[in-house]
Amino acid sequence: MTVLEMKDIQIKDSPVHYRSEYRAAALVRFTGHQEEKIPIIFSIEHTATGAVNIAVDVQRPLNYPLLPVIKALKAHIAEMHSGGKLPG
């Protein structure tokens, strides 16, 4: 399973300056070359120690194990965050 891209990324207003929340659609490719667009909500939180915590919530049931999907999405989001490719 691979994450191909993130589309329609929208930042949600948050009064907390160290936490950003987003809505997006993740285009993923499952085994067998099946591609699917998955609606997700994710957040990026900067802790007091300088670490970054990423949480991902898939917004609909999948016909694929959820843990590998979340792990791949977190890795892709972390890469986008470190590369400055997220709004806000």
C-alpha atoms as a PDB file:
ATOM      1  CA  MET A   1       0.000   0.000   0.000  1.00  0.00           C
ATOM      2  CA  THR A   2       1.353   3.416  -0.941  1.00  0.00           C
ATOM      3  CA  VAL A   3       0.126   6.971  -0.593  1.00  0.00           C
ATOM      4  CA  LEU A   4       0.227   8.640  -4.006  1.00  0.00           C
ATOM      5  CA  GLU A   5      -0.808  12.169  -3.018  1.00  0.00           C
ATOM      6  CA  MET A   6      -2.939  14.336  -0.745  1.00  0.00           C
ATOM      7  CA  LYS A   7      -5.673  16.401  -2.388  1.00  0.00           C
ATOM      8  CA  ASP A   8      -8.035  19.141  -1.244  1.00  0.00           C
ATOM      9  CA  ILE A   9      -6.038  19.943   1.910  1.00  0.00           C
ATOM     10  CA  GLN A  10      -7.937  22.405   4.083  1.00  0.00           C
ATOM     11  CA  ILE A  11      -6.708  23.757   7.409  1.00  0.00           C
ATOM     12  CA  LYS A  12      -9.277  24.016  10.195  1.00  0.00           C
ATOM     13  CA  ASP A  13      -9.292  27.037  12.490  1.00  0.00           C
ATOM     14  CA  SER A  14      -7.757  26.215  15.863  1.00  0.00           C
ATOM     15  CA  PRO A  15      -7.227  28.545  18.834  1.00  0.00           C
ATOM     16  CA  VAL A  16      -4.202  26.491  19.919  1.00  0.00           C
ATOM     17  CA  HIS A  17      -1.024  27.706  18.205  1.00  0.00           C
ATOM     18  CA  TYR A  18       0.978  24.470  18.611  1.00  0.00           C
ATOM     19  CA  ARG A  19      -1.636  22.224  16.986  1.00  0.00           C
ATOM     20  CA  SER A  20      -2.860  22.342  13.377  1.00  0.00           C
ATOM     21  CA  GLU A  21      -5.848  20.366  12.139  1.00  0.00           C
ATOM     22  CA  TYR A  22      -6.544  19.526   8.497  1.00  0.00           C
ATOM     23  CA  ARG A  23      -9.094  17.839   6.258  1.00  0.00           C
ATOM     24  CA  ALA A  24      -7.914  16.152   3.081  1.00  0.00           C
ATOM     25  CA  ALA A  25      -8.466  13.379   0.587  1.00  0.00           C
ATOM     26  CA  ALA A  26      -5.654  10.867   0.347  1.00  0.00           C
ATOM     27  CA  LEU A  27      -5.153   9.051  -2.931  1.00  0.00           C
ATOM     28  CA  VAL A  28      -3.741   5.622  -2.083  1.00  0.00           C
ATOM     29  CA  ARG A  29      -2.845   2.528  -4.090  1.00  0.00           C
ATOM     30  CA  PHE A  30      -3.613  -0.804  -2.509  1.00  0.00           C
ATOM     31  CA  THR A  31      -2.227  -4.149  -3.633  1.00  0.00           C
ATOM     32  CA  GLY A  32      -3.360  -5.138  -7.097  1.00  0.00           C
ATOM     33  CA  HIS A  33      -3.007  -1.589  -8.449  1.00  0.00           C
ATOM     34  CA  GLN A  34      -6.401  -0.535  -7.052  1.00  0.00           C
ATOM     35  CA  GLU A  35      -6.446   3.227  -6.343  1.00  0.00           C
ATOM     36  CA  GLU A  36      -8.864   4.803  -3.909  1.00  0.00           C
ATOM     37  CA  LYS A  37      -9.560   8.309  -2.616  1.00  0.00           C
ATOM     38  CA  ILE A  38      -9.948   8.277   1.179  1.00  0.00           C
ATOM     39  CA  PRO A  39     -11.307  11.234   3.190  1.00  0.00           C
ATOM     40  CA  ILE A  40      -9.197  11.879   6.298  1.00  0.00           C
ATOM     41  CA  ILE A  41      -8.787  14.334   9.148  1.00  0.00           C
ATOM     42  CA  PHE A  42      -5.297  14.735  10.585  1.00  0.00           C
ATOM     43  CA  SER A  43      -3.552  16.889  13.135  1.00  0.00           C
ATOM     44  CA  ILE A  44       0.043  17.928  13.706  1.00  0.00           C
ATOM     45  CA  GLU A  45       0.996  18.844  17.253  1.00  0.00           C
ATOM     46  CA  HIS A  46       4.316  20.284  18.391  1.00  0.00           C
ATOM     47  CA  THR A  47       5.165  19.208  21.940  1.00  0.00           C
ATOM     48  CA  ALA A  48       7.143  21.177  24.534  1.00  0.00           C
ATOM     49  CA  THR A  49      10.155  18.927  23.929  1.00  0.00           C
ATOM     50  CA  GLY A  50      10.231  19.780  20.219  1.00  0.00           C
ATOM     51  CA  ALA A  51       8.754  16.498  18.998  1.00  0.00           C
ATOM     52  CA  VAL A  52       5.978  16.408  16.413  1.00  0.00           C
ATOM     53  CA  ASN A  53       2.959  14.141  16.936  1.00  0.00           C
ATOM     54  CA  ILE A  54       0.749  13.275  13.976  1.00  0.00           C
ATOM     55  CA  ALA A  55      -2.738  11.804  14.407  1.00  0.00           C
ATOM     56  CA  VAL A  56      -4.814  10.495  11.488  1.00  0.00           C
ATOM     57  CA  ASP A  57      -8.533   9.676  11.433  1.00  0.00           C
ATOM     58  CA  VAL A  58      -9.907   7.828   8.395  1.00  0.00           C
ATOM     59  CA  GLN A  59     -13.458   9.033   7.800  1.00  0.00           C
ATOM     60  CA  ARG A  60     -15.001   5.886   6.308  1.00  0.00           C
ATOM     61  CA  PRO A  61     -14.600   2.111   6.503  1.00  0.00           C
ATOM     62  CA  LEU A  62     -11.960   0.517   4.290  1.00  0.00           C
ATOM     63  CA  ASN A  63     -11.700  -2.909   2.736  1.00  0.00           C
ATOM     64  CA  TYR A  64      -8.067  -3.050   3.864  1.00  0.00           C
ATOM     65  CA  PRO A  65      -6.337  -3.340   7.287  1.00  0.00           C
ATOM     66  CA  LEU A  66      -6.434   0.077   8.979  1.00  0.00           C
ATOM     67  CA  LEU A  67      -3.046   0.077  10.777  1.00  0.00           C
ATOM     68  CA  PRO A  68      -0.867  -0.079   7.628  1.00  0.00           C
ATOM     69  CA  VAL A  69      -2.992   2.670   6.066  1.00  0.00           C
ATOM     70  CA  ILE A  70      -2.564   4.963   9.080  1.00  0.00           C
ATOM     71  CA  LYS A  71       1.166   4.226   9.268  1.00  0.00           C
ATOM     72  CA  ALA A  72       1.653   5.093   5.570  1.00  0.00           C
ATOM     73  CA  LEU A  73      -0.479   8.243   5.893  1.00  0.00           C
ATOM     74  CA  LYS A  74       1.492   9.428   8.939  1.00  0.00           C
ATOM     75  CA  ALA A  75       4.785   8.929   7.098  1.00  0.00           C
ATOM     76  CA  HIS A  76       3.501  10.845   4.059  1.00  0.00           C
ATOM     77  CA  ILE A  77       2.142  13.677   6.217  1.00  0.00           C
ATOM     78  CA  ALA A  78       5.433  13.908   8.146  1.00  0.00           C
ATOM     79  CA  GLU A  79       7.322  14.184   4.842  1.00  0.00           C
ATOM     80  CA  MET A  80       4.966  16.914   3.607  1.00  0.00           C
ATOM     81  CA  HIS A  81       5.265  18.777   6.922  1.00  0.00           C
ATOM     82  CA  SER A  82       9.059  18.692   6.962  1.00  0.00           C
ATOM     83  CA  GLY A  83       9.123  19.816   3.312  1.00  0.00           C
ATOM     84  CA  GLY A  84       6.808  22.761   4.012  1.00  0.00           C
ATOM     85  CA  LYS A  85       4.099  21.479   1.669  1.00  0.00           C
ATOM     86  CA  LEU A  86       1.159  21.900   4.076  1.00  0.00           C
ATOM     87  CA  PRO A  87      -0.908  25.100   4.267  1.00  0.00           C
ATOM     88  CA  GLY A  88      -0.696  27.227   7.379  1.00  0.00           C
END
